[in-house]
Amino acid sequence: MLFNFLKKSGTSLHKPKSFWSTFKNAYLRRRNLKKFWLGLNKKNLPEELIKMTDLFIQSESYFWTSKFWRHCIINHFNYMTTLSEETDPLKLISRVDYSGLTFLDKFSVEESLKDETNLTKFKSELLKKYPDLSSKIHPDMSEVKSIEHNIALLALYEKVKNKDLFNNYNNINKEIYKKYNPFLKVGEKLITQQLLISLLEYGKIKSLAKNAKKPLKILELGAGYGRTANMILSLEPQAKYVISDLPPSLYFSLKNLREFFKDRKIKICVEVNSQKEMMEALDNNDILFVLPHQLNLFNKKVFDISISIGNLCEMEKSQIKNYMKIFENISKFLYFKVWEVSGLPYSFYQYYSVHKKKDYEIKENWKEHFKNKCLMPNNQFELGYEFKN
């Protein structure tokens, strides 16, 4: 009975663990990120990343970080120190922790396609329609995993290609998705799971901010390698975009957006400590990078919309409450995306349900514009809210 609420989550991160494993992760396993960082051999790390992380470790943002993400950060830095300076660590990290690729597995595909009248027939027709693509083997993926991935991607493409939203395809910078995702080419069109999912997210975000004055001012919490930012900045070239994140992902998204948006004015604001200086930076630049605690330096309701994709469900309850309070203070709308049911990693049987407003600190006076199952994976939900002025 204790684990029944997690059975439909299906993904390995949220599957129920044994009592001992759960107790050990919650209370015994040490994740002293500060001690780890101070003792780490940093010779293979970029100076910019080292400086950024030094500031983070000494800042209030350190205490805003969940056990799960302290654990992830330690793993990421451990991995990065084993690589040469020429090797891009994001090739692996983005696939495991920043892209959600690992969750578009057999379970997610079956769940997303279960509404098809005849699932077996649908898959068979898909394989006939794209015989060469469905059997393509991707680097670092087994034959079985590659075929599983291709079926998921082609099924998603079939559902997206005829939407009006897909007319934006030619304006999308596709290189970032090609760089970090397994891809297929359908005719002249390069497609990846993350490109299509990011495009769908853009459509919902755009619908929330449809009446906002240009240029849009957007805040994203936890941008990963920059996939959603890339989509929005491709399709909203005048937008002002602020990314608030933890290192090393803050550095990764900075590096990618620098590479792919050379025409935008980009500023790292991790050392800014006054509201006046932060607002001047926003006025005079297109893209800002900040640490989470610096969100309190922005003016009230300055952002048209705040975005949080896949990270609220990885936080302790007090952290969710803190971020929701900030979103309400500095933005007009909120778009967020979480698993339908989430078992909080490294907690003692803490879980969240998208169907319980109190789990995500959603106030009754917030106007709900949508609460929808995602197209794929459909054990995720996307929600849109308007804050009361």
Protein backbone atom coordinates (compact mmCIF):
# COMPACT_ATOMS: atom_id res chain seq x y z
CA MET A 1 0.00 0.00 0.00
CA LEU A 2 2.80 2.37 0.91
CA PHE A 3 4.08 2.48 -2.67
CA ASN A 4 0.82 2.31 -4.65
CA PHE A 5 0.88 6.02 -5.49
CA LEU A 6 4.21 5.59 -7.30
CA LYS A 7 3.30 2.60 -9.43
CA LYS A 8 2.14 4.63 -12.42
CA SER A 9 5.25 6.82 -12.48
CA GLY A 10 7.17 4.03 -14.19
CA THR A 11 10.50 5.88 -14.46
CA SER A 12 13.49 4.53 -12.56
CA LEU A 13 14.02 7.78 -10.62
CA HIS A 14 10.54 7.62 -9.09
CA LYS A 15 10.08 3.88 -8.62
CA PRO A 16 9.68 2.79 -4.99
CA LYS A 17 12.88 1.73 -3.23
CA SER A 18 13.38 -0.54 -0.23
CA PHE A 19 12.97 0.86 3.27
CA TRP A 20 16.71 0.58 3.96
CA SER A 21 17.72 2.17 0.65
CA THR A 22 15.30 5.04 1.22
CA PHE A 23 16.45 5.57 4.81
CA LYS A 24 20.12 5.48 3.80
CA ASN A 25 19.64 8.00 0.98
CA ALA A 26 17.60 10.35 3.14
CA TYR A 27 19.68 10.33 6.31
CA LEU A 28 23.02 8.51 6.03
CA ARG A 29 24.54 9.24 2.63
CA ARG A 30 26.69 12.33 2.88
CA ARG A 31 26.44 15.05 0.26
CA ASN A 32 28.67 17.79 1.58
CA LEU A 33 29.02 19.65 -1.69
CA LYS A 34 30.98 22.48 -0.11
CA LYS A 35 33.61 20.13 1.36
CA PHE A 36 33.74 18.19 -1.91
CA TRP A 37 34.29 21.35 -3.96
CA LEU A 38 37.05 22.71 -1.72
CA GLY A 39 38.94 19.42 -1.98
CA LEU A 40 38.40 18.86 -5.70
CA ASN A 41 41.33 18.90 -8.14
CA LYS A 42 40.12 21.58 -10.55
CA LYS A 43 42.97 21.60 -13.07
CA ASN A 44 40.72 20.41 -15.93
CA LEU A 45 37.90 22.86 -15.19
CA PRO A 46 37.46 26.21 -17.01
CA GLU A 47 38.39 29.25 -14.93
CA GLU A 48 35.01 30.84 -15.57
CA LEU A 49 33.25 27.79 -14.15
CA ILE A 50 35.55 27.68 -11.11
CA LYS A 51 34.84 31.32 -10.31
CA MET A 52 31.10 30.81 -10.77
CA THR A 53 31.11 27.77 -8.47
CA ASP A 54 33.23 29.50 -5.81
CA LEU A 55 30.60 32.25 -5.66
CA PHE A 56 27.76 29.73 -5.53
CA ILE A 57 29.33 27.73 -2.68
CA GLN A 58 29.60 30.88 -0.54
CA SER A 59 26.17 32.25 -1.46
CA GLU A 60 22.65 31.84 -0.14
CA SER A 61 21.89 29.78 -3.25
CA TYR A 62 23.87 26.90 -1.77
CA PHE A 63 21.18 26.48 0.88
CA TRP A 64 18.44 26.65 -1.76
CA THR A 65 19.79 23.47 -3.39
CA SER A 66 18.07 20.12 -2.86
CA LYS A 67 19.88 16.99 -1.68
CA PHE A 68 19.25 15.46 -5.07
CA TRP A 69 20.95 18.27 -6.97
CA ARG A 70 23.88 18.43 -4.56
CA HIS A 71 24.34 14.76 -5.37
CA CYS A 72 24.08 15.44 -9.14
CA ILE A 73 26.53 18.35 -8.98
CA ILE A 74 29.10 16.20 -7.18
CA ASN A 75 28.72 13.50 -9.85
CA HIS A 76 29.00 16.04 -12.67
CA PHE A 77 32.20 17.59 -11.34
CA ASN A 78 33.72 14.18 -10.60
CA TYR A 79 33.08 13.21 -14.20
CA MET A 80 34.37 16.49 -15.61
CA THR A 81 37.71 16.21 -13.80
CA THR A 82 38.43 12.93 -15.60
CA LEU A 83 38.18 14.55 -19.05
CA SER A 84 40.62 16.51 -21.14
CA GLU A 85 39.89 20.18 -21.81
CA GLU A 86 38.98 19.29 -25.41
CA THR A 87 36.23 16.84 -24.40
CA ASP A 88 32.72 18.20 -24.00
CA PRO A 89 31.28 16.76 -20.75
CA LEU A 90 27.78 17.75 -21.81
CA LYS A 91 27.69 14.95 -24.39
CA LEU A 92 26.92 12.57 -21.54
CA ILE A 93 25.59 14.83 -18.78
CA SER A 94 22.94 16.41 -21.00
CA ARG A 95 21.56 13.01 -21.95
CA VAL A 96 21.44 11.74 -18.38
CA ASP A 97 20.38 14.73 -16.28
CA TYR A 98 19.57 17.79 -18.41
CA SER A 99 17.45 16.58 -21.29
CA GLY A 100 14.99 14.04 -19.94
CA LEU A 101 16.03 11.72 -22.79
CA THR A 102 16.40 8.79 -20.38
CA PHE A 103 12.72 9.07 -19.43
CA LEU A 104 11.40 8.66 -22.97
CA ASP A 105 11.82 4.94 -22.50
CA LYS A 106 9.59 1.98 -23.32
CA PHE A 107 7.24 2.77 -20.42
CA SER A 108 6.79 6.41 -21.48
CA VAL A 109 6.23 5.49 -25.12
CA GLU A 110 3.65 2.82 -24.26
CA GLU A 111 1.84 5.26 -21.95
CA SER A 112 1.84 8.03 -24.56
CA LEU A 113 0.51 5.79 -27.30
CA LYS A 114 -1.99 3.75 -25.28
CA ASP A 115 -4.89 5.85 -26.58
CA GLU A 116 -4.21 4.62 -30.10
CA THR A 117 -7.04 2.28 -31.17
CA ASN A 118 -4.59 -0.46 -32.08
CA LEU A 119 -1.13 0.13 -30.64
CA THR A 120 0.48 -2.83 -32.39
CA LYS A 121 -0.93 -1.72 -35.75
CA PHE A 122 0.21 1.88 -35.13
CA LYS A 123 3.78 0.75 -34.45
CA SER A 124 3.73 -1.54 -37.47
CA GLU A 125 2.57 1.28 -39.75
CA LEU A 126 5.22 3.57 -38.29
CA LEU A 127 7.96 1.04 -39.07
CA LYS A 128 6.64 0.64 -42.63
CA LYS A 129 6.44 4.39 -43.19
CA TYR A 130 9.99 5.05 -41.93
CA PRO A 131 11.87 1.74 -42.46
CA ASP A 132 15.35 3.25 -42.68
CA LEU A 133 14.88 5.75 -39.87
CA SER A 134 13.30 3.35 -37.40
CA SER A 135 16.32 1.03 -37.55
CA LYS A 136 19.05 3.70 -37.32
CA ILE A 137 21.61 2.90 -34.60
CA HIS A 138 22.86 5.86 -32.56
CA PRO A 139 26.33 6.29 -31.01
CA ASP A 140 26.49 5.18 -27.36
CA MET A 141 23.12 3.42 -27.64
CA SER A 142 22.45 -0.28 -28.09
CA GLU A 143 20.46 -1.52 -31.07
CA VAL A 144 17.41 -2.15 -28.87
CA LYS A 145 17.61 1.27 -27.21
CA SER A 146 18.16 2.97 -30.58
CA ILE A 147 15.06 1.37 -32.11
CA GLU A 148 13.05 2.16 -28.97
CA HIS A 149 14.22 5.78 -29.19
CA ASN A 150 13.45 6.03 -32.91
CA ILE A 151 9.90 4.74 -32.49
CA ALA A 152 9.31 7.27 -29.71
CA LEU A 153 10.73 10.10 -31.81
CA LEU A 154 8.80 9.20 -34.97
CA ALA A 155 5.57 8.78 -32.99
CA LEU A 156 6.10 12.23 -31.49
CA TYR A 157 6.88 13.69 -34.93
CA GLU A 158 3.65 12.21 -36.34
CA LYS A 159 1.69 13.98 -33.60
CA VAL A 160 3.45 17.35 -34.01
CA LYS A 161 4.13 17.77 -37.74
CA ASN A 162 0.60 18.85 -38.70
CA LYS A 163 0.16 21.37 -35.90
CA ASP A 164 0.26 25.08 -36.84
CA LEU A 165 3.09 25.40 -34.35
CA PHE A 166 5.31 23.31 -36.62
CA ASN A 167 5.28 26.13 -39.19
CA ASN A 168 7.98 27.71 -36.99
CA TYR A 169 10.38 24.87 -37.82
CA ASN A 170 12.59 26.77 -40.28
CA ASN A 171 13.26 29.55 -37.76
CA ILE A 172 14.57 27.21 -35.07
CA ASN A 173 18.30 26.97 -34.38
CA LYS A 174 18.65 23.20 -34.63
CA GLU A 175 22.38 22.83 -34.01
CA ILE A 176 22.10 22.70 -30.21
CA TYR A 177 19.66 19.76 -30.41
CA LYS A 178 21.81 17.96 -32.96
CA LYS A 179 24.84 18.47 -30.72
CA TYR A 180 23.37 16.80 -27.64
CA ASN A 181 20.52 14.55 -28.84
CA PRO A 182 20.27 11.48 -31.08
CA PHE A 183 18.57 12.73 -34.23
CA LEU A 184 16.82 11.54 -37.36
CA LYS A 185 16.40 13.24 -40.72
CA VAL A 186 12.92 13.03 -42.21
CA GLY A 187 13.42 14.30 -45.73
CA GLU A 188 15.15 17.65 -45.23
CA LYS A 189 14.00 18.02 -41.64
CA LEU A 190 16.30 17.20 -38.74
CA ILE A 191 14.29 16.13 -35.70
CA THR A 192 15.12 15.20 -32.11
CA GLN A 193 12.93 14.47 -29.12
CA GLN A 194 14.14 17.60 -27.36
CA LEU A 195 13.53 19.85 -30.37
CA LEU A 196 9.92 18.69 -30.67
CA ILE A 197 9.26 18.79 -26.93
CA SER A 198 10.79 22.28 -26.67
CA LEU A 199 8.60 23.45 -29.56
CA LEU A 200 5.49 22.15 -27.78
CA GLU A 201 6.58 23.93 -24.59
CA TYR A 202 7.07 27.14 -26.56
CA GLY A 203 3.50 26.91 -27.83
CA LYS A 204 2.06 26.73 -24.31
CA ILE A 205 4.38 29.46 -22.99
CA LYS A 206 3.44 31.71 -25.91
CA SER A 207 -0.27 31.15 -25.22
CA LEU A 208 0.18 32.40 -21.64
CA ALA A 209 2.07 35.52 -22.67
CA LYS A 210 0.06 36.27 -25.84
CA ASN A 211 -1.07 39.70 -24.61
CA ALA A 212 2.28 40.79 -23.22
CA LYS A 213 4.02 43.81 -24.70
CA LYS A 214 7.17 43.21 -26.75
CA PRO A 215 9.90 42.53 -26.01
CA LEU A 216 8.93 39.62 -23.80
CA LYS A 217 10.80 39.37 -20.51
CA ILE A 218 11.26 35.74 -19.53
CA LEU A 219 12.81 34.02 -16.52
CA GLU A 220 13.78 30.35 -16.62
CA LEU A 221 14.74 28.47 -13.49
CA GLY A 222 17.01 25.51 -14.22
CA ALA A 223 17.74 25.71 -17.94
CA GLY A 224 19.94 22.61 -18.22
CA TYR A 225 21.96 22.85 -21.42
CA GLY A 226 19.67 25.60 -22.75
CA ARG A 227 17.20 23.66 -24.89
CA THR A 228 14.06 25.66 -23.98
CA ALA A 229 15.95 28.97 -24.00
CA ASN A 230 17.27 28.13 -27.47
CA MET A 231 13.75 27.50 -28.76
CA ILE A 232 12.28 30.70 -27.33
CA LEU A 233 15.22 32.88 -28.38
CA SER A 234 15.04 31.41 -31.91
CA LEU A 235 11.35 32.22 -32.27
CA GLU A 236 11.25 35.41 -30.16
CA PRO A 237 14.46 37.18 -31.25
CA GLN A 238 13.60 40.39 -29.37
CA ALA A 239 12.97 38.65 -26.04
CA LYS A 240 14.96 39.40 -22.91
CA TYR A 241 15.85 36.14 -21.19
CA VAL A 242 17.17 35.47 -17.69
CA ILE A 243 18.50 32.06 -16.69
CA SER A 244 18.80 31.24 -13.00
CA ASP A 245 20.61 28.01 -12.28
CA LEU A 246 23.35 26.20 -10.38
CA PRO A 247 26.83 25.38 -11.66
CA PRO A 248 27.89 23.55 -13.68
CA SER A 249 24.62 23.76 -15.66
CA LEU A 250 24.62 27.57 -15.45
CA TYR A 251 28.00 27.49 -17.19
CA PHE A 252 26.84 24.93 -19.79
CA SER A 253 23.82 26.98 -20.87
CA LEU A 254 25.99 30.12 -20.92
CA LYS A 255 28.51 28.41 -23.17
CA ASN A 256 25.83 27.14 -25.58
CA LEU A 257 23.89 30.39 -25.87
CA ARG A 258 27.14 32.28 -26.43
CA GLU A 259 27.93 29.91 -29.29
CA PHE A 260 24.52 29.98 -30.96
CA PHE A 261 23.39 33.56 -30.29
CA LYS A 262 26.46 35.62 -31.05
CA ASP A 263 24.29 38.59 -32.02
CA ARG A 264 22.75 38.88 -28.51
CA LYS A 265 24.18 40.90 -25.65
CA ILE A 266 24.94 38.40 -22.89
CA LYS A 267 25.98 39.22 -19.33
CA ILE A 268 27.00 37.03 -16.37
CA CYS A 269 25.54 38.61 -13.25
CA VAL A 270 26.64 36.19 -10.53
CA GLU A 271 28.54 38.97 -8.71
CA VAL A 272 25.73 41.55 -8.83
CA ASN A 273 24.44 42.38 -5.34
CA SER A 274 22.11 45.36 -5.76
CA GLN A 275 18.68 45.77 -7.31
CA LYS A 276 19.78 48.87 -9.22
CA GLU A 277 22.71 47.08 -10.84
CA MET A 278 20.60 44.02 -11.70
CA MET A 279 17.84 46.05 -13.34
CA GLU A 280 20.40 48.04 -15.32
CA ALA A 281 21.87 44.76 -16.55
CA LEU A 282 18.41 43.60 -17.65
CA ASP A 283 17.72 46.90 -19.44
CA ASN A 284 21.05 46.90 -21.27
CA ASN A 285 21.39 43.23 -22.25
CA ASP A 286 19.43 40.46 -23.95
CA ILE A 287 20.40 37.42 -21.88
CA LEU A 288 21.43 37.33 -18.21
CA PHE A 289 22.82 34.50 -16.08
CA VAL A 290 22.19 34.64 -12.33
CA LEU A 291 22.28 32.41 -9.25
CA PRO A 292 18.92 31.56 -7.63
CA HIS A 293 19.24 33.84 -4.59
CA GLN A 294 19.73 36.82 -6.93
CA LEU A 295 16.14 36.52 -8.14
CA ASN A 296 15.24 38.71 -5.17
CA LEU A 297 17.13 41.57 -6.87
CA PHE A 298 14.57 41.93 -9.69
CA ASN A 299 11.72 44.42 -9.58
CA LYS A 300 8.20 43.32 -8.78
CA LYS A 301 6.35 41.85 -11.82
CA VAL A 302 9.25 42.66 -14.15
CA PHE A 303 8.94 39.31 -16.00
CA ASP A 304 6.04 38.47 -18.28
CA ILE A 305 6.48 34.80 -17.46
CA SER A 306 8.57 32.50 -15.29
CA ILE A 307 9.41 28.98 -16.50
CA SER A 308 10.29 25.95 -14.40
CA ILE A 309 10.63 22.67 -16.27
CA GLY A 310 11.18 19.46 -14.34
CA ASN A 311 12.85 20.90 -11.26
CA LEU A 312 10.14 21.76 -8.70
CA CYS A 313 9.46 18.04 -8.22
CA GLU A 314 13.13 17.57 -7.23
CA MET A 315 13.03 20.09 -4.37
CA GLU A 316 12.21 19.90 -0.68
CA LYS A 317 8.85 21.43 0.28
CA SER A 318 10.39 24.58 1.80
CA GLN A 319 12.31 25.20 -1.43
CA ILE A 320 9.17 24.85 -3.56
CA LYS A 321 7.44 27.37 -1.31
CA ASN A 322 10.36 29.78 -1.61
CA TYR A 323 10.50 29.66 -5.42
CA MET A 324 6.74 29.95 -5.84
CA LYS A 325 6.79 33.05 -3.65
CA ILE A 326 9.54 34.54 -5.83
CA PHE A 327 7.73 33.67 -9.08
CA GLU A 328 4.58 35.34 -7.80
CA ASN A 329 6.52 38.44 -6.79
CA ILE A 330 8.59 39.06 -9.92
CA SER A 331 6.42 37.68 -12.75
CA LYS A 332 2.90 37.88 -14.16
CA PHE A 333 2.54 34.27 -15.33
CA LEU A 334 4.07 30.88 -14.49
CA TYR A 335 4.61 27.85 -16.71
CA PHE A 336 5.86 24.73 -15.00
CA LYS A 337 6.21 21.07 -15.84
CA VAL A 338 6.44 18.12 -13.44
CA TRP A 339 5.78 14.39 -13.27
CA GLU A 340 2.18 13.47 -12.49
CA VAL A 341 3.45 11.72 -9.35
CA SER A 342 6.98 12.36 -8.10
CA GLY A 343 8.85 10.53 -5.38
CA LEU A 344 11.34 13.12 -4.09
CA PRO A 345 14.84 11.66 -4.57
CA TYR A 346 16.90 11.35 -1.35
CA SER A 347 13.94 11.94 0.94
CA PHE A 348 12.15 9.61 3.33
CA TYR A 349 8.99 8.78 1.36
CA GLN A 350 8.25 12.39 0.40
CA TYR A 351 6.17 12.53 -2.76
CA TYR A 352 4.23 15.11 -4.76
CA SER A 353 1.12 14.87 -6.89
CA VAL A 354 0.27 17.35 -9.62
CA HIS A 355 -3.37 16.95 -8.59
CA LYS A 356 -2.77 18.38 -5.10
CA LYS A 357 -2.29 22.13 -5.22
CA LYS A 358 -0.73 22.22 -1.76
CA ASP A 359 2.09 19.93 -2.92
CA TYR A 360 3.32 22.70 -5.23
CA GLU A 361 2.18 25.64 -3.08
CA ILE A 362 -0.39 26.75 -5.67
CA LYS A 363 -2.65 29.45 -4.25
CA GLU A 364 -6.40 29.43 -4.78
CA ASN A 365 -6.36 33.00 -6.14
CA TRP A 366 -3.99 32.10 -8.99
CA LYS A 367 -5.89 31.78 -12.26
CA GLU A 368 -5.31 28.38 -13.85
CA HIS A 369 -5.08 28.68 -17.65
CA PHE A 370 -4.27 25.03 -18.28
CA LYS A 371 -3.25 21.80 -16.60
CA ASN A 372 -2.58 19.26 -19.33
CA LYS A 373 -0.97 15.90 -19.77
CA CYS A 374 2.06 16.26 -22.00
CA LEU A 375 1.90 14.68 -25.42
CA MET A 376 5.05 12.69 -24.63
CA PRO A 377 5.88 11.51 -22.07
CA ASN A 378 2.27 11.70 -20.92
CA ASN A 379 3.12 10.89 -17.31
CA GLN A 380 4.29 14.52 -17.18
CA PHE A 381 1.95 17.51 -16.79
CA GLU A 382 2.36 21.12 -17.88
CA LEU A 383 0.58 23.86 -15.95
CA GLY A 384 -0.02 27.54 -16.65
CA TYR A 385 -1.01 30.12 -14.02
CA GLU A 386 -1.67 33.83 -13.91
CA PHE A 387 -0.74 35.61 -10.70
CA LYS A 388 -3.05 38.11 -9.08
CA ASN A 389 -1.65 41.65 -9.33
